[in-house]
PDB file of N, CA and C in Angstrom:
ATOM      1  N   MET A   1     105.147 102.136 104.669  1.00  0.00           N
ATOM      2  CA  MET A   1     103.839 101.564 104.675  1.00  0.00           C
ATOM      3  C   MET A   1     103.741 100.605 105.894  1.00  0.00           C
ATOM      4  N   LYS A   2     103.898 101.131 107.066  1.00  0.00           N
ATOM      5  CA  LYS A   2     103.931 100.305 108.259  1.00  0.00           C
ATOM      6  C   LYS A   2     102.550  99.918 108.779  1.00  0.00           C
ATOM      7  N   ASP A   3     101.571 100.794 108.553  1.00  0.00           N
ATOM      8  CA  ASP A   3     100.215 100.520 109.017  1.00  0.00           C
ATOM      9  C   ASP A   3      99.620  99.379 108.173  1.00  0.00           C
ATOM     10  N   PRO A   4      99.268  98.241 108.783  1.00  0.00           N
ATOM     11  CA  PRO A   4      98.737  97.122 108.010  1.00  0.00           C
ATOM     12  C   PRO A   4      97.497  97.444 107.218  1.00  0.00           C
ATOM     13  N   ARG A   5      96.708  98.404 107.690  1.00  0.00           N
ATOM     14  CA  ARG A   5      95.509  98.806 106.939  1.00  0.00           C
ATOM     15  C   ARG A   5      95.895  99.469 105.624  1.00  0.00           C
ATOM     16  N   LEU A   6      96.960 100.266 105.646  1.00  0.00           N
ATOM     17  CA  LEU A   6      97.405 100.902 104.395  1.00  0.00           C
ATOM     18  C   LEU A   6      97.906  99.862 103.400  1.00  0.00           C
ATOM     19  N   GLN A   7      98.635  98.864 103.905  1.00  0.00           N
ATOM     20  CA  GLN A   7      99.124  97.795 103.028  1.00  0.00           C
ATOM     21  C   GLN A   7      97.918  97.059 102.424  1.00  0.00           C
ATOM     22  N   HIS A   8      96.926  96.741 103.251  1.00  0.00           N
ATOM     23  CA  HIS A   8      95.744  96.044 102.763  1.00  0.00           C
ATOM     24  C   HIS A   8      95.048  96.849 101.687  1.00  0.00           C
ATOM     25  N   ASP A   9      94.884  98.178 101.902  1.00  0.00           N
ATOM     26  CA  ASP A   9      94.253  99.018 100.919  1.00  0.00           C
ATOM     27  C   ASP A   9      95.053  99.044  99.606  1.00  0.00           C
ATOM     28  N   PHE A  10      96.362  99.128  99.718  1.00  0.00           N
ATOM     29  CA  PHE A  10      97.212  99.174  98.506  1.00  0.00           C
ATOM     30  C   PHE A  10      97.104  97.852  97.773  1.00  0.00           C
ATOM     31  N   PHE A  11      97.158  96.730  98.490  1.00  0.00           N
ATOM     32  CA  PHE A  11      97.008  95.422  97.869  1.00  0.00           C
ATOM     33  C   PHE A  11      95.663  95.346  97.098  1.00  0.00           C
ATOM     34  N   GLU A  12      94.611  95.834  97.704  1.00  0.00           N
ATOM     35  CA  GLU A  12      93.302  95.791  97.059  1.00  0.00           C
ATOM     36  C   GLU A  12      93.282  96.654  95.815  1.00  0.00           C
ATOM     37  N   GLN A  13      93.992  97.794  95.805  1.00  0.00           N
ATOM     38  CA  GLN A  13      94.125  98.616  94.620  1.00  0.00           C
ATOM     39  C   GLN A  13      94.874  97.870  93.536  1.00  0.00           C
ATOM     40  N   VAL A  14      95.937  97.203  93.926  1.00  0.00           N
ATOM     41  CA  VAL A  14      96.718  96.396  92.965  1.00  0.00           C
ATOM     42  C   VAL A  14      95.832  95.327  92.346  1.00  0.00           C
ATOM     43  N   TYR A  15      95.088  94.606  93.170  1.00  0.00           N
ATOM     44  CA  TYR A  15      94.234  93.531  92.684  1.00  0.00           C
ATOM     45  C   TYR A  15      93.146  94.067  91.734  1.00  0.00           C
ATOM     46  N   ALA A  16      92.637  95.246  92.018  1.00  0.00           N
ATOM     47  CA  ALA A  16      91.619  95.842  91.120  1.00  0.00           C
ATOM     48  C   ALA A  16      92.218  96.068  89.726  1.00  0.00           C
ATOM     49  N   VAL A  17      93.465  96.519  89.672  1.00  0.00           N
ATOM     50  CA  VAL A  17      94.115  96.740  88.366  1.00  0.00           C
ATOM     51  C   VAL A  17      94.399  95.397  87.682  1.00  0.00           C
ATOM     52  N   VAL A  18      94.939  94.455  88.424  1.00  0.00           N
ATOM     53  CA  VAL A  18      95.303  93.151  87.885  1.00  0.00           C
ATOM     54  C   VAL A  18      94.085  92.454  87.270  1.00  0.00           C
ATOM     55  N   LYS A  19      92.925  92.603  87.888  1.00  0.00           N
ATOM     56  CA  LYS A  19      91.698  91.983  87.398  1.00  0.00           C
ATOM     57  C   LYS A  19      91.303  92.550  86.019  1.00  0.00           C
ATOM     58  N   LEU A  20      91.826  93.721  85.652  1.00  0.00           N
ATOM     59  CA  LEU A  20      91.478  94.345  84.376  1.00  0.00           C
ATOM     60  C   LEU A  20      92.420  93.981  83.228  1.00  0.00           C
ATOM     61  N   ILE A  21      93.496  93.276  83.548  1.00  0.00           N
ATOM     62  CA  ILE A  21      94.436  92.849  82.494  1.00  0.00           C
ATOM     63  C   ILE A  21      93.713  91.817  81.622  1.00  0.00           C
ATOM     64  N   PRO A  22      93.618  92.110  80.309  1.00  0.00           N
ATOM     65  CA  PRO A  22      92.933  91.149  79.444  1.00  0.00           C
ATOM     66  C   PRO A  22      93.693  89.840  79.266  1.00  0.00           C
ATOM     67  N   PRO A  23      92.982  88.737  79.058  1.00  0.00           N
ATOM     68  CA  PRO A  23      93.667  87.483  78.729  1.00  0.00           C
ATOM     69  C   PRO A  23      94.568  87.689  77.494  1.00  0.00           C
ATOM     70  N   GLY A  24      95.720  87.050  77.537  1.00  0.00           N
ATOM     71  CA  GLY A  24      96.680  87.172  76.436  1.00  0.00           C
ATOM     72  C   GLY A  24      97.576  88.391  76.525  1.00  0.00           C
ATOM     73  N   ARG A  25      97.424  89.141  77.593  1.00  0.00           N
ATOM     74  CA  ARG A  25      98.258  90.316  77.799  1.00  0.00           C
ATOM     75  C   ARG A  25      98.910  90.208  79.193  1.00  0.00           C
ATOM     76  N   ALA A  26      99.919  90.998  79.417  1.00  0.00           N
ATOM     77  CA  ALA A  26     100.616  91.000  80.704  1.00  0.00           C
ATOM     78  C   ALA A  26     101.130  92.386  80.983  1.00  0.00           C
ATOM     79  N   THR A  27     101.396  92.671  82.224  1.00  0.00           N
ATOM     80  CA  THR A  27     101.955  93.966  82.623  1.00  0.00           C
ATOM     81  C   THR A  27     103.081  93.739  83.627  1.00  0.00           C
ATOM     82  N   SER A  28     103.673  94.808  84.043  1.00  0.00           N
ATOM     83  CA  SER A  28     104.792  94.706  84.994  1.00  0.00           C
ATOM     84  C   SER A  28     104.410  95.244  86.354  1.00  0.00           C
ATOM     85  N   TYR A  29     105.170  94.846  87.346  1.00  0.00           N
ATOM     86  CA  TYR A  29     104.978  95.363  88.695  1.00  0.00           C
ATOM     87  C   TYR A  29     105.093  96.893  88.690  1.00  0.00           C
ATOM     88  N   GLY A  30     106.102  97.376  88.010  1.00  0.00           N
ATOM     89  CA  GLY A  30     106.353  98.832  87.946  1.00  0.00           C
ATOM     90  C   GLY A  30     105.264  99.589  87.246  1.00  0.00           C
ATOM     91  N   ALA A  31     104.689  99.009  86.194  1.00  0.00           N
ATOM     92  CA  ALA A  31     103.612  99.695  85.470  1.00  0.00           C
ATOM     93  C   ALA A  31     102.390  99.855  86.367  1.00  0.00           C
ATOM     94  N   ILE A  32     102.099  98.864  87.159  1.00  0.00           N
ATOM     95  CA  ILE A  32     100.984  98.925  88.103  1.00  0.00           C
ATOM     96  C   ILE A  32     101.299 100.000  89.164  1.00  0.00           C
ATOM     97  N   ALA A  33     102.488  99.982  89.706  1.00  0.00           N
ATOM     98  CA  ALA A  33     102.857 100.951  90.736  1.00  0.00           C
ATOM     99  C   ALA A  33     102.738 102.393  90.163  1.00  0.00           C
ATOM    100  N   LYS A  34     103.233 102.576  88.961  1.00  0.00           N
ATOM    101  CA  LYS A  34     103.155 103.894  88.317  1.00  0.00           C
ATOM    102  C   LYS A  34     101.690 104.318  88.159  1.00  0.00           C
ATOM    103  N   TYR A  35     100.858 103.442  87.665  1.00  0.00           N
ATOM    104  CA  TYR A  35      99.450 103.725  87.494  1.00  0.00           C
ATOM    105  C   TYR A  35      98.804 104.142  88.806  1.00  0.00           C
ATOM    106  N   LEU A  36      99.182 103.494  89.881  1.00  0.00           N
ATOM    107  CA  LEU A  36      98.596 103.789  91.202  1.00  0.00           C
ATOM    108  C   LEU A  36      99.222 105.030  91.855  1.00  0.00           C
ATOM    109  N   GLY A  37     100.166 105.666  91.130  1.00  0.00           N
ATOM    110  CA  GLY A  37     100.769 106.907  91.654  1.00  0.00           C
ATOM    111  C   GLY A  37     101.874 106.664  92.658  1.00  0.00           C
ATOM    112  N   THR A  38     102.382 105.439  92.685  1.00  0.00           N
ATOM    113  CA  THR A  38     103.457 105.086  93.612  1.00  0.00           C
ATOM    114  C   THR A  38     104.576 104.426  92.837  1.00  0.00           C
ATOM    115  N   GLY A  39     105.123 105.136  91.874  1.00  0.00           N
ATOM    116  CA  GLY A  39     106.121 104.573  90.968  1.00  0.00           C
ATOM    117  C   GLY A  39     107.291 103.829  91.592  1.00  0.00           C
ATOM    118  N   SER A  40     107.608 104.167  92.816  1.00  0.00           N
ATOM    119  CA  SER A  40     108.747 103.499  93.458  1.00  0.00           C
ATOM    120  C   SER A  40     108.340 102.282  94.273  1.00  0.00           C
ATOM    121  N   SER A  41     107.088 101.846  94.125  1.00  0.00           N
ATOM    122  CA  SER A  41     106.645 100.738  94.962  1.00  0.00           C
ATOM    123  C   SER A  41     106.411  99.439  94.160  1.00  0.00           C
ATOM    124  N   ALA A  42     107.189  99.228  93.110  1.00  0.00           N
ATOM    125  CA  ALA A  42     107.071  97.997  92.317  1.00  0.00           C
ATOM    126  C   ALA A  42     107.254  96.774  93.188  1.00  0.00           C
ATOM    127  N   ARG A  43     108.169  96.830  94.129  1.00  0.00           N
ATOM    128  CA  ARG A  43     108.415  95.705  95.004  1.00  0.00           C
ATOM    129  C   ARG A  43     107.152  95.374  95.867  1.00  0.00           C
ATOM    130  N   THR A  44     106.487  96.417  96.305  1.00  0.00           N
ATOM    131  CA  THR A  44     105.244  96.184  97.074  1.00  0.00           C
ATOM    132  C   THR A  44     104.164  95.564  96.220  1.00  0.00           C
ATOM    133  N   VAL A  45     104.116  95.941  94.924  1.00  0.00           N
ATOM    134  CA  VAL A  45     103.199  95.281  94.021  1.00  0.00           C
ATOM    135  C   VAL A  45     103.546  93.804  93.928  1.00  0.00           C
ATOM    136  N   GLY A  46     104.838  93.486  93.884  1.00  0.00           N
ATOM    137  CA  GLY A  46     105.261  92.089  93.902  1.00  0.00           C
ATOM    138  C   GLY A  46     104.792  91.371  95.154  1.00  0.00           C
ATOM    139  N   TRP A  47     104.867  92.020  96.298  1.00  0.00           N
ATOM    140  CA  TRP A  47     104.379  91.393  97.542  1.00  0.00           C
ATOM    141  C   TRP A  47     102.867  91.136  97.437  1.00  0.00           C
ATOM    142  N   ALA A  48     102.155  92.085  96.858  1.00  0.00           N
ATOM    143  CA  ALA A  48     100.713  91.895  96.670  1.00  0.00           C
ATOM    144  C   ALA A  48     100.444  90.691  95.765  1.00  0.00           C
ATOM    145  N   MET A  49     101.262  90.517  94.739  1.00  0.00           N
ATOM    146  CA  MET A  49     101.093  89.379  93.847  1.00  0.00           C
ATOM    147  C   MET A  49     101.413  88.075  94.590  1.00  0.00           C
ATOM    148  N   ASN A  50     102.433  88.093  95.425  1.00  0.00           N
ATOM    149  CA  ASN A  50     102.739  86.896  96.215  1.00  0.00           C
ATOM    150  C   ASN A  50     101.589  86.522  97.119  1.00  0.00           C
ATOM    151  N   ALA A  51     100.896  87.510  97.646  1.00  0.00           N
ATOM    152  CA  ALA A  51      99.761  87.249  98.530  1.00  0.00           C
ATOM    153  C   ALA A  51      98.511  86.864  97.753  1.00  0.00           C
ATOM    154  N   ALA A  52      98.496  87.052  96.424  1.00  0.00           N
ATOM    155  CA  ALA A  52      97.316  86.827  95.610  1.00  0.00           C
ATOM    156  C   ALA A  52      97.145  85.370  95.170  1.00  0.00           C
ATOM    157  N   HIS A  53      98.138  84.558  95.422  1.00  0.00           N
ATOM    158  CA  HIS A  53      98.068  83.195  94.901  1.00  0.00           C
ATOM    159  C   HIS A  53      96.999  82.341  95.562  1.00  0.00           C
ATOM    160  N   SER A  54      96.483  82.786  96.662  1.00  0.00           N
ATOM    161  CA  SER A  54      95.353  82.083  97.302  1.00  0.00           C
ATOM    162  C   SER A  54      94.025  82.656  96.849  1.00  0.00           C
ATOM    163  N   LYS A  55      94.085  83.615  95.907  1.00  0.00           N
ATOM    164  CA  LYS A  55      92.864  84.263  95.419  1.00  0.00           C
ATOM    165  C   LYS A  55      92.714  83.926  93.924  1.00  0.00           C
ATOM    166  N   PRO A  56      91.955  82.906  93.588  1.00  0.00           N
ATOM    167  CA  PRO A  56      91.864  82.496  92.175  1.00  0.00           C
ATOM    168  C   PRO A  56      91.281  83.551  91.263  1.00  0.00           C
ATOM    169  N   GLU A  57      90.565  84.541  91.790  1.00  0.00           N
ATOM    170  CA  GLU A  57      89.980  85.572  90.967  1.00  0.00           C
ATOM    171  C   GLU A  57      91.000  86.626  90.512  1.00  0.00           C
ATOM    172  N   ILE A  58      92.216  86.549  91.042  1.00  0.00           N
ATOM    173  CA  ILE A  58      93.296  87.482  90.674  1.00  0.00           C
ATOM    174  C   ILE A  58      94.194  86.795  89.668  1.00  0.00           C
ATOM    175  N   PRO A  59      94.289  87.268  88.421  1.00  0.00           N
ATOM    176  CA  PRO A  59      95.132  86.666  87.421  1.00  0.00           C
ATOM    177  C   PRO A  59      96.580  87.058  87.582  1.00  0.00           C
ATOM    178  N   ALA A  60      97.176  86.636  88.705  1.00  0.00           N
ATOM    179  CA  ALA A  60      98.553  87.042  89.047  1.00  0.00           C
ATOM    180  C   ALA A  60      99.577  86.587  88.013  1.00  0.00           C
ATOM    181  N   HIS A  61      99.246  85.575  87.223  1.00  0.00           N
ATOM    182  CA  HIS A  61     100.184  85.105  86.183  1.00  0.00           C
ATOM    183  C   HIS A  61     100.409  86.141  85.106  1.00  0.00           C
ATOM    184  N   ARG A  62      99.617  87.163  85.043  1.00  0.00           N
ATOM    185  CA  ARG A  62      99.739  88.197  84.013  1.00  0.00           C
ATOM    186  C   ARG A  62     100.616  89.362  84.488  1.00  0.00           C
ATOM    187  N   VAL A  63     101.258  89.225  85.631  1.00  0.00           N
ATOM    188  CA  VAL A  63     102.131  90.297  86.138  1.00  0.00           C
ATOM    189  C   VAL A  63     103.563  89.735  86.234  1.00  0.00           C
ATOM    190  N   VAL A  64     104.471  90.390  85.522  1.00  0.00           N
ATOM    191  CA  VAL A  64     105.847  89.950  85.407  1.00  0.00           C
ATOM    192  C   VAL A  64     106.787  91.138  85.619  1.00  0.00           C
ATOM    193  N   ASN A  65     108.078  90.894  85.485  1.00  0.00           N
ATOM    194  CA  ASN A  65     108.999  92.033  85.690  1.00  0.00           C
ATOM    195  C   ASN A  65     109.048  92.898  84.434  1.00  0.00           C
ATOM    196  N   ARG A  66     109.778  93.990  84.501  1.00  0.00           N
ATOM    197  CA  ARG A  66     109.788  94.997  83.432  1.00  0.00           C
ATOM    198  C   ARG A  66     110.347  94.493  82.112  1.00  0.00           C
ATOM    199  N   LEU A  67     111.017  93.356  82.145  1.00  0.00           N
ATOM    200  CA  LEU A  67     111.577  92.773  80.922  1.00  0.00           C
ATOM    201  C   LEU A  67     110.691  91.655  80.364  1.00  0.00           C
ATOM    202  N   GLY A  68     109.602  91.382  81.017  1.00  0.00           N
ATOM    203  CA  GLY A  68     108.724  90.297  80.598  1.00  0.00           C
ATOM    204  C   GLY A  68     109.152  88.939  81.140  1.00  0.00           C
ATOM    205  N   MET A  69     110.004  88.943  82.152  1.00  0.00           N
ATOM    206  CA  MET A  69     110.475  87.702  82.740  1.00  0.00           C
ATOM    207  C   MET A  69     109.485  87.215  83.819  1.00  0.00           C
ATOM    208  N   LEU A  70     109.303  85.924  83.875  1.00  0.00           N
ATOM    209  CA  LEU A  70     108.375  85.306  84.831  1.00  0.00           C
ATOM    210  C   LEU A  70     109.047  85.243  86.218  1.00  0.00           C
ATOM    211  N   SER A  71     109.300  86.387  86.782  1.00  0.00           N
ATOM    212  CA  SER A  71     110.065  86.476  88.039  1.00  0.00           C
ATOM    213  C   SER A  71     109.297  85.929  89.234  1.00  0.00           C
ATOM    214  N   GLY A  72     107.992  85.794  89.154  1.00  0.00           N
ATOM    215  CA  GLY A  72     107.217  85.289  90.276  1.00  0.00           C
ATOM    216  C   GLY A  72     106.781  83.868  90.118  1.00  0.00           C
ATOM    217  N   LYS A  73     107.368  83.136  89.207  1.00  0.00           N
ATOM    218  CA  LYS A  73     106.894  81.791  88.886  1.00  0.00           C
ATOM    219  C   LYS A  73     107.010  80.806  90.069  1.00  0.00           C
ATOM    220  N   MET A  74     107.921  81.077  90.983  1.00  0.00           N
ATOM    221  CA  MET A  74     108.100  80.137  92.106  1.00  0.00           C
ATOM    222  C   MET A  74     106.938  80.182  93.082  1.00  0.00           C
ATOM    223  N   HIS A  75     106.036  81.138  92.942  1.00  0.00           N
ATOM    224  CA  HIS A  75     104.912  81.280  93.868  1.00  0.00           C
ATOM    225  C   HIS A  75     103.648  80.568  93.371  1.00  0.00           C
ATOM    226  N   PHE A  76     103.751  79.838  92.261  1.00  0.00           N
ATOM    227  CA  PHE A  76     102.586  79.210  91.666  1.00  0.00           C
ATOM    228  C   PHE A  76     102.446  77.733  91.970  1.00  0.00           C
ATOM    229  N   GLY A  77     103.231  77.219  92.902  1.00  0.00           N
ATOM    230  CA  GLY A  77     103.085  75.830  93.295  1.00  0.00           C
ATOM    231  C   GLY A  77     103.921  74.884  92.436  1.00  0.00           C
ATOM    232  N   HIS A  78     103.854  75.031  91.136  1.00  0.00           N
ATOM    233  CA  HIS A  78     104.616  74.210  90.198  1.00  0.00           C
ATOM    234  C   HIS A  78     105.429  75.162  89.339  1.00  0.00           C
ATOM    235  N   PRO A  79     106.683  74.876  89.065  1.00  0.00           N
ATOM    236  CA  PRO A  79     107.558  75.785  88.307  1.00  0.00           C
ATOM    237  C   PRO A  79     107.035  76.200  86.922  1.00  0.00           C
ATOM    238  N   MET A  80     106.164  75.365  86.342  1.00  0.00           N
ATOM    239  CA  MET A  80     105.681  75.662  84.984  1.00  0.00           C
ATOM    240  C   MET A  80     104.261  76.270  84.994  1.00  0.00           C
ATOM    241  N   GLU A  81     103.651  76.418  86.162  1.00  0.00           N
ATOM    242  CA  GLU A  81     102.250  76.850  86.214  1.00  0.00           C
ATOM    243  C   GLU A  81     102.034  78.244  85.651  1.00  0.00           C
ATOM    244  N   MET A  82     102.880  79.179  85.961  1.00  0.00           N
ATOM    245  CA  MET A  82     102.713  80.533  85.456  1.00  0.00           C
ATOM    246  C   MET A  82     102.825  80.535  83.925  1.00  0.00           C
ATOM    247  N   GLN A  83     103.840  79.850  83.424  1.00  0.00           N
ATOM    248  CA  GLN A  83     104.028  79.759  81.968  1.00  0.00           C
ATOM    249  C   GLN A  83     102.838  79.044  81.324  1.00  0.00           C
ATOM    250  N   ASN A  84     102.357  77.973  81.933  1.00  0.00           N
ATOM    251  CA  ASN A  84     101.217  77.235  81.359  1.00  0.00           C
ATOM    252  C   ASN A  84      99.969  78.099  81.269  1.00  0.00           C
ATOM    253  N   ARG A  85      99.724  78.923  82.295  1.00  0.00           N
ATOM    254  CA  ARG A  85      98.555  79.795  82.279  1.00  0.00           C
ATOM    255  C   ARG A  85      98.699  80.840  81.173  1.00  0.00           C
ATOM    256  N   LEU A  86      99.876  81.427  81.029  1.00  0.00           N
ATOM    257  CA  LEU A  86     100.096  82.423  79.995  1.00  0.00           C
ATOM    258  C   LEU A  86      99.947  81.781  78.604  1.00  0.00           C
ATOM    259  N   GLU A  87     100.544  80.623  78.413  1.00  0.00           N
ATOM    260  CA  GLU A  87     100.448  79.954  77.128  1.00  0.00           C
ATOM    261  C   GLU A  87      99.034  79.546  76.762  1.00  0.00           C
ATOM    262  N   ALA A  88      98.236  79.191  77.774  1.00  0.00           N
ATOM    263  CA  ALA A  88      96.825  78.870  77.558  1.00  0.00           C
ATOM    264  C   ALA A  88      96.055  80.085  77.013  1.00  0.00           C
ATOM    265  N   GLU A  89      96.618  81.270  77.235  1.00  0.00           N
ATOM    266  CA  GLU A  89      96.004  82.495  76.740  1.00  0.00           C
ATOM    267  C   GLU A  89      96.629  82.993  75.446  1.00  0.00           C
ATOM    268  N   GLY A  90      97.557  82.194  74.895  1.00  0.00           N
ATOM    269  CA  GLY A  90      98.182  82.552  73.628  1.00  0.00           C
ATOM    270  C   GLY A  90      99.492  83.299  73.743  1.00  0.00           C
ATOM    271  N   VAL A  91     100.011  83.468  74.936  1.00  0.00           N
ATOM    272  CA  VAL A  91     101.287  84.169  75.155  1.00  0.00           C
ATOM    273  C   VAL A  91     102.427  83.161  74.993  1.00  0.00           C
ATOM    274  N   VAL A  92     103.409  83.508  74.182  1.00  0.00           N
ATOM    275  CA  VAL A  92     104.553  82.644  73.973  1.00  0.00           C
ATOM    276  C   VAL A  92     105.628  82.984  74.994  1.00  0.00           C
ATOM    277  N   VAL A  93     106.098  81.931  75.695  1.00  0.00           N
ATOM    278  CA  VAL A  93     107.137  82.091  76.727  1.00  0.00           C
ATOM    279  C   VAL A  93     108.294  81.157  76.388  1.00  0.00           C
ATOM    280  N   VAL A  94     109.502  81.707  76.345  1.00  0.00           N
ATOM    281  CA  VAL A  94     110.699  80.934  76.079  1.00  0.00           C
ATOM    282  C   VAL A  94     111.727  81.264  77.144  1.00  0.00           C
ATOM    283  N   ASP A  95     112.243  80.257  77.808  1.00  0.00           N
ATOM    284  CA  ASP A  95     113.243  80.449  78.862  1.00  0.00           C
ATOM    285  C   ASP A  95     112.782  81.472  79.892  1.00  0.00           C
ATOM    286  N   ASP A  96     111.529  81.335  80.335  1.00  0.00           N
ATOM    287  CA  ASP A  96     110.952  82.184  81.377  1.00  0.00           C
ATOM    288  C   ASP A  96     110.772  83.631  80.952  1.00  0.00           C
ATOM    289  N   GLN A  97     110.759  83.924  79.643  1.00  0.00           N
ATOM    290  CA  GLN A  97     110.564  85.295  79.174  1.00  0.00           C
ATOM    291  C   GLN A  97     109.445  85.325  78.141  1.00  0.00           C
ATOM    292  N   ILE A  98     108.536  86.281  78.313  1.00  0.00           N
ATOM    293  CA  ILE A  98     107.476  86.484  77.338  1.00  0.00           C
ATOM    294  C   ILE A  98     108.087  87.005  76.047  1.00  0.00           C
ATOM    295  N   GLN A  99     107.738  86.350  74.957  1.00  0.00           N
ATOM    296  CA  GLN A  99     108.232  86.755  73.643  1.00  0.00           C
ATOM    297  C   GLN A  99     107.307  87.845  73.112  1.00  0.00           C
ATOM    298  N   GLN A 100     107.881  88.725  72.297  1.00  0.00           N
ATOM    299  CA  GLN A 100     107.169  89.875  71.743  1.00  0.00           C
ATOM    300  C   GLN A 100     106.582  90.711  72.901  1.00  0.00           C
ATOM    301  N   TRP A 101     107.393  90.961  73.882  1.00  0.00           N
ATOM    302  CA  TRP A 101     106.959  91.682  75.080  1.00  0.00           C
ATOM    303  C   TRP A 101     106.273  93.001  74.753  1.00  0.00           C
ATOM    304  N   GLU A 102     106.778  93.699  73.746  1.00  0.00           N
ATOM    305  CA  GLU A 102     106.201  95.000  73.366  1.00  0.00           C
ATOM    306  C   GLU A 102     104.736  94.839  72.922  1.00  0.00           C
ATOM    307  N   ARG A 103     104.430  93.722  72.263  1.00  0.00           N
ATOM    308  CA  ARG A 103     103.041  93.471  71.793  1.00  0.00           C
ATOM    309  C   ARG A 103     102.157  92.996  72.934  1.00  0.00           C
ATOM    310  N   VAL A 104     102.697  92.172  73.820  1.00  0.00           N
ATOM    311  CA  VAL A 104     101.907  91.555  74.891  1.00  0.00           C
ATOM    312  C   VAL A 104     101.711  92.545  76.040  1.00  0.00           C
ATOM    313  N   PHE A 105     102.644  93.467  76.206  1.00  0.00           N
ATOM    314  CA  PHE A 105     102.582  94.408  77.350  1.00  0.00           C
ATOM    315  C   PHE A 105     101.305  95.231  77.371  1.00  0.00           C
ATOM    316  N   TRP A 106     100.626  95.226  78.495  1.00  0.00           N
ATOM    317  CA  TRP A 106      99.424  95.994  78.701  1.00  0.00           C
ATOM    318  C   TRP A 106      99.776  97.096  79.693  1.00  0.00           C
ATOM    319  N   ASP A 107      99.665  98.337  79.220  1.00  0.00           N
ATOM    320  CA  ASP A 107     100.053  99.490  80.043  1.00  0.00           C
ATOM    321  C   ASP A 107      98.776 100.071  80.688  1.00  0.00           C
ATOM    322  N   PRO A 108      98.623  99.941  82.005  1.00  0.00           N
ATOM    323  CA  PRO A 108      97.435 100.491  82.626  1.00  0.00           C
ATOM    324  C   PRO A 108      97.272 102.001  82.482  1.00  0.00           C
ATOM    325  N   MET A 109      98.390 102.720  82.348  1.00  0.00           N
ATOM    326  CA  MET A 109      98.322 104.159  82.152  1.00  0.00           C
ATOM    327  C   MET A 109      97.601 104.496  80.849  1.00  0.00           C
ATOM    328  N   THR A 110      97.871 103.716  79.822  1.00  0.00           N
ATOM    329  CA  THR A 110      97.260 103.938  78.524  1.00  0.00           C
ATOM    330  C   THR A 110      95.846 103.353  78.483  1.00  0.00           C
ATOM    331  N   ALA A 111      95.718 102.143  78.962  1.00  0.00           N
ATOM    332  CA  ALA A 111      94.462 101.408  78.872  1.00  0.00           C
ATOM    333  C   ALA A 111      93.381 101.983  79.768  1.00  0.00           C
ATOM    334  N   LEU A 112      93.790 102.455  80.961  1.00  0.00           N
ATOM    335  CA  LEU A 112      92.789 102.914  81.936  1.00  0.00           C
ATOM    336  C   LEU A 112      92.791 104.443  82.112  1.00  0.00           C
ATOM    337  N   GLY A 113      93.791 105.065  81.481  1.00  0.00           N
ATOM    338  CA  GLY A 113      93.843 106.529  81.561  1.00  0.00           C
ATOM    339  C   GLY A 113      94.324 106.974  82.872  1.00  0.00           C
TER     340      GLY A 113
END
């Protein structure tokens, strides 16, 4: 993905999916990549999330790793900000991991078809 225009388009596709994650739910980088038809690009989804922190309309706090770990928390300015946002939506987080991950997990493949 060397062409910056392609990266921009992919990031915008990622953001469109992330905006659809309901409050109180979360998904993974890999689930978004799979939904977008690029299953091996979970890391690029992570880069898109890193770039989203200056965009308040993108609920980047709802995107975590495949185990429900808050792997991107260092990009939120304060170490507890990601957890605080999730907890404000009713998500329980212990030791940087979403509890009841199976219940909280939002699968775009299922939800969006």
